[in-house]
Structures are given as structure tokens and as C-alpha cells.
Amino acid sequence: MRFFKYVLLLIFLQSCAESVWAVSDSALSENQIKAAYLYKFATYIEWPASAFSTTDSPVVIGIVGADEIATELNNLITGRLVNGRMVQIKSLSVREPLSGVHILFIGQHEHLSYLLENLETQPVLTVTDSSNALDMGSIINFVLVDNHIRFEVSTVHADRCGLKISARLLGVAQKIETGRPL
């Protein structure tokens, strides 16, 4: 009987420990999910040839205002390629030049509209994490739907920047802004 009580106690403690780990994992998982999305977005975008200085130039992902995501992305990309190109991550400040960046992730940032305006016609995939960011000029914006991270896409802004977005990526978007009346 005593053995049975110990087994029950052990099961109870294990379930409590798993609950604690689940909470910790969920705290980390948002950044990990966003980092994974950023990497995968690169595989579904076609940049104009002029976006790269040479045929072997890396795909550069710039991160503004989200150091944790930059860290997760650095961990994720080790040894991986995007369309045959190396991937390089740059943590940037608002004042740094954005030339040579192919994807720019802008976390919750007070200079969001300034950054988006400066990239308005550049071949840069802008990805944001702010409400109404598509209205400000972002191409992809993360949204929370039923406690899951999803994204919305503006093909209008992508077209203006000379970027082609794969139909496969559009097929899994939460919302697509096309600029055409339905």
C-alpha cells in the first residue's frame, strides 16, 4: 500500500513539473515560432536579381527591436541555406543603414512607420508584429488568433517593392490584402 502511495505522489509531482515546463516552453515558444516563420518566409519569396550584389550574396535578415528573436533565428539558421544562399542575421538599430537587408523584422517599435516609409519601394520583405501594420506599409504582419501565431500579407506592398510571394505562402495566410475589390 505504501508503495502505491509513493507511485501516486511521484505521478503527481511529475505532472506538476510538466506543467512548469509547459509554462516555460510557452514563454519561449513565441520567439521560436516567429524566428522559424522568418526563416521559412525567405523560402517563399522571390527577390529581383538587383536585390543581391552577387550570385552568392547571402540572404540578410535584419532585426529591429527584437533581440530575443534574433538570438533564436541565429540558433535556427546554423548550416541552413535559402534558395542556395547562406543566411545572415543582423541586429539593427533604427539609425543604422538598411542597405543589403532582404528581410527586415520590426518588433513592437515606436519608429515603425518611419522604418516602413524608408523601405516603401525597396526590395525588402518587411515583417512586423504590430496591430494595423499592413495599413502602415508592412508586407507581412504577425497576428494572434486563438492563442496561435498567424500572419497576414499585403500583396499590394509586396508588388510595390518588386517582391513575388509564392501562392503556397499566401495559402496559409490568415488574411491577404490584395487591394482589389472582392
Protein backbone atom coordinates (compact mmCIF):
# COMPACT_ATOMS: atom_id res chain seq x y z
CA MET A 1 0.00 0.00 0.00
CA ARG A 2 2.81 2.37 0.89
CA PHE A 3 4.47 1.72 -2.47
CA PHE A 4 1.20 2.63 -4.24
CA LYS A 5 1.09 6.00 -2.39
CA TYR A 6 4.66 6.75 -3.46
CA VAL A 7 3.82 5.94 -7.06
CA LEU A 8 0.79 8.27 -6.92
CA LEU A 9 2.90 11.00 -5.32
CA LEU A 10 5.57 10.55 -7.98
CA ILE A 11 2.97 10.79 -10.76
CA PHE A 12 1.52 13.94 -9.18
CA LEU A 13 4.94 15.58 -8.86
CA GLN A 14 5.82 14.65 -12.43
CA SER A 15 2.61 16.22 -13.74
CA CYS A 16 3.35 19.40 -11.74
CA ALA A 17 6.86 19.53 -13.18
CA GLU A 18 5.50 19.08 -16.70
CA SER A 19 3.10 21.98 -16.10
CA VAL A 20 6.01 24.19 -15.06
CA TRP A 21 7.97 23.17 -18.16
CA ALA A 22 4.94 23.82 -20.34
CA VAL A 23 4.69 27.36 -18.99
CA SER A 24 8.40 27.93 -19.60
CA ASP A 25 8.16 26.44 -23.09
CA SER A 26 5.22 28.65 -23.98
CA ALA A 27 7.17 31.72 -22.83
CA LEU A 28 9.99 30.74 -25.19
CA SER A 29 7.89 29.32 -27.98
CA GLU A 30 6.55 32.65 -29.28
CA ASN A 31 10.06 33.83 -30.18
CA GLN A 32 10.99 30.43 -31.57
CA ILE A 33 7.85 30.33 -33.72
CA LYS A 34 8.43 33.83 -35.07
CA ALA A 35 12.06 33.00 -35.82
CA ALA A 36 11.00 29.86 -37.68
CA TYR A 37 8.44 31.84 -39.66
CA LEU A 38 11.07 34.42 -40.63
CA TYR A 39 13.35 31.71 -41.94
CA LYS A 40 10.53 29.97 -43.84
CA PHE A 41 9.22 33.25 -45.31
CA ALA A 42 12.56 33.62 -47.08
CA THR A 43 11.99 30.35 -48.92
CA TYR A 44 8.67 31.58 -50.36
CA ILE A 45 9.82 34.98 -51.63
CA GLU A 46 11.35 35.81 -54.99
CA TRP A 47 13.52 38.92 -54.97
CA PRO A 48 14.52 40.80 -58.10
CA ALA A 49 18.08 39.97 -59.21
CA SER A 50 19.11 43.55 -58.34
CA ALA A 51 18.44 42.84 -54.64
CA PHE A 52 21.70 40.84 -54.44
CA SER A 53 25.10 42.29 -55.26
CA THR A 54 26.47 38.92 -56.45
CA THR A 55 25.08 35.49 -57.24
CA ASP A 56 26.44 34.11 -53.97
CA SER A 57 25.43 37.01 -51.70
CA PRO A 58 23.67 35.82 -48.54
CA VAL A 59 20.05 36.46 -47.69
CA VAL A 60 20.30 39.06 -44.92
CA ILE A 61 17.62 39.16 -42.25
CA GLY A 62 17.69 42.36 -40.23
CA ILE A 63 16.04 42.53 -36.83
CA VAL A 64 14.99 45.79 -35.14
CA GLY A 65 13.60 45.83 -31.61
CA ALA A 66 13.54 42.07 -31.02
CA ASP A 67 16.90 40.78 -29.80
CA GLU A 68 15.35 37.55 -28.49
CA ILE A 69 14.07 36.67 -31.95
CA ALA A 70 17.48 37.46 -33.45
CA THR A 71 19.04 35.02 -30.97
CA GLU A 72 16.51 32.30 -31.80
CA LEU A 73 16.99 32.89 -35.52
CA ASN A 74 20.77 32.62 -35.19
CA ASN A 75 20.30 29.27 -33.43
CA LEU A 76 17.91 28.10 -36.14
CA ILE A 77 19.85 29.00 -39.29
CA THR A 78 23.14 27.33 -38.47
CA GLY A 79 24.11 25.34 -41.54
CA ARG A 80 20.92 26.14 -43.45
CA LEU A 81 20.50 27.76 -46.84
CA VAL A 82 17.70 29.69 -48.51
CA ASN A 83 17.42 29.00 -52.23
CA GLY A 84 21.11 28.05 -52.30
CA ARG A 85 22.23 31.14 -50.38
CA MET A 86 23.71 31.42 -46.92
CA VAL A 87 21.60 33.29 -44.36
CA GLN A 88 22.98 36.12 -42.26
CA ILE A 89 21.26 37.73 -39.26
CA LYS A 90 21.87 41.37 -38.30
CA SER A 91 20.53 43.03 -35.17
CA LEU A 92 19.99 46.65 -36.18
CA SER A 93 19.07 49.93 -34.58
CA VAL A 94 16.69 52.43 -36.14
CA ARG A 95 19.55 54.72 -37.19
CA GLU A 96 21.62 52.07 -38.99
CA PRO A 97 21.53 51.87 -42.79
CA LEU A 98 19.25 49.15 -44.09
CA SER A 99 21.03 48.63 -47.39
CA GLY A 100 21.78 44.99 -48.14
CA VAL A 101 18.89 43.72 -45.98
CA HIS A 102 16.44 41.39 -47.71
CA ILE A 103 14.05 40.76 -44.82
CA LEU A 104 13.50 43.26 -42.04
CA PHE A 105 11.64 42.17 -38.93
CA ILE A 106 10.45 45.10 -36.83
CA GLY A 107 9.26 44.16 -33.37
CA GLN A 108 7.00 46.39 -31.29
CA HIS A 109 8.73 49.67 -32.05
CA GLU A 110 7.84 53.34 -31.82
CA HIS A 111 9.61 54.07 -35.14
CA LEU A 112 7.62 51.51 -37.12
CA SER A 113 6.06 53.96 -39.59
CA TYR A 114 9.45 55.69 -40.11
CA LEU A 115 11.15 52.38 -40.95
CA LEU A 116 8.36 51.25 -43.26
CA GLU A 117 8.32 54.59 -45.10
CA ASN A 118 12.08 54.38 -45.73
CA LEU A 119 11.66 50.94 -47.31
CA GLU A 120 8.49 51.73 -49.24
CA THR A 121 9.84 50.79 -52.69
CA GLN A 122 12.97 48.84 -51.74
CA PRO A 123 13.10 45.09 -52.45
CA VAL A 124 12.88 44.28 -48.73
CA LEU A 125 10.35 41.92 -47.20
CA THR A 126 9.10 43.83 -44.17
CA VAL A 127 7.70 41.68 -41.37
CA THR A 128 6.10 43.30 -38.35
CA ASP A 129 4.48 42.45 -35.06
CA SER A 130 2.10 45.38 -34.55
CA SER A 131 -1.61 45.89 -34.97
CA ASN A 132 -2.57 47.69 -38.18
CA ALA A 133 0.97 47.37 -39.56
CA LEU A 134 -0.29 46.40 -43.02
CA ASP A 135 -2.03 49.79 -43.14
CA MET A 136 1.37 51.42 -42.50
CA GLY A 137 3.11 49.57 -45.33
CA SER A 138 4.25 46.24 -43.90
CA ILE A 139 4.21 43.24 -46.23
CA ILE A 140 3.74 40.53 -43.57
CA ASN A 141 2.41 41.09 -40.06
CA PHE A 142 2.16 38.59 -37.21
CA VAL A 143 -1.25 38.32 -35.54
CA LEU A 144 -2.52 36.27 -32.62
CA VAL A 145 -5.55 34.12 -33.48
CA ASP A 146 -7.00 31.78 -30.85
CA ASN A 147 -3.68 31.85 -28.97
CA HIS A 148 -1.75 30.82 -32.09
CA ILE A 149 0.69 32.97 -34.03
CA ARG A 150 -0.51 33.52 -37.57
CA PHE A 151 0.29 36.13 -40.20
CA GLU A 152 -1.40 38.43 -42.66
CA VAL A 153 0.04 39.52 -46.01
CA SER A 154 -0.23 42.59 -48.22
CA THR A 155 0.40 41.68 -51.86
CA VAL A 156 -0.08 45.38 -52.67
CA HIS A 157 3.02 46.32 -50.70
CA ALA A 158 4.96 43.30 -51.98
CA ASP A 159 4.22 44.26 -55.59
CA ARG A 160 5.32 47.85 -54.93
CA CYS A 161 8.65 46.52 -53.63
CA GLY A 162 9.16 44.16 -56.56
CA LEU A 163 8.77 41.01 -54.47
CA LYS A 164 6.88 37.93 -55.59
CA ILE A 165 5.17 35.89 -52.88
CA SER A 166 4.56 32.20 -53.50
CA ALA A 167 0.95 31.07 -53.66
CA ARG A 168 1.89 28.41 -51.10
CA LEU A 169 2.68 31.12 -48.54
CA LEU A 170 -0.46 33.06 -49.40
CA GLY A 171 -2.45 29.86 -48.99
CA VAL A 172 -1.66 29.68 -45.28
CA ALA A 173 -2.01 33.39 -44.50
CA GLN A 174 -4.70 34.42 -42.04
CA LYS A 175 -5.62 37.41 -44.21
CA ILE A 176 -4.46 38.65 -47.62
CA GLU A 177 -4.70 42.31 -48.56
CA THR A 178 -4.83 42.47 -52.34
CA GLY A 179 -6.06 46.00 -52.97
CA ARG A 180 -8.58 44.61 -55.44
CA PRO A 181 -12.29 44.80 -54.67
CA LEU A 182 -13.85 41.44 -53.88
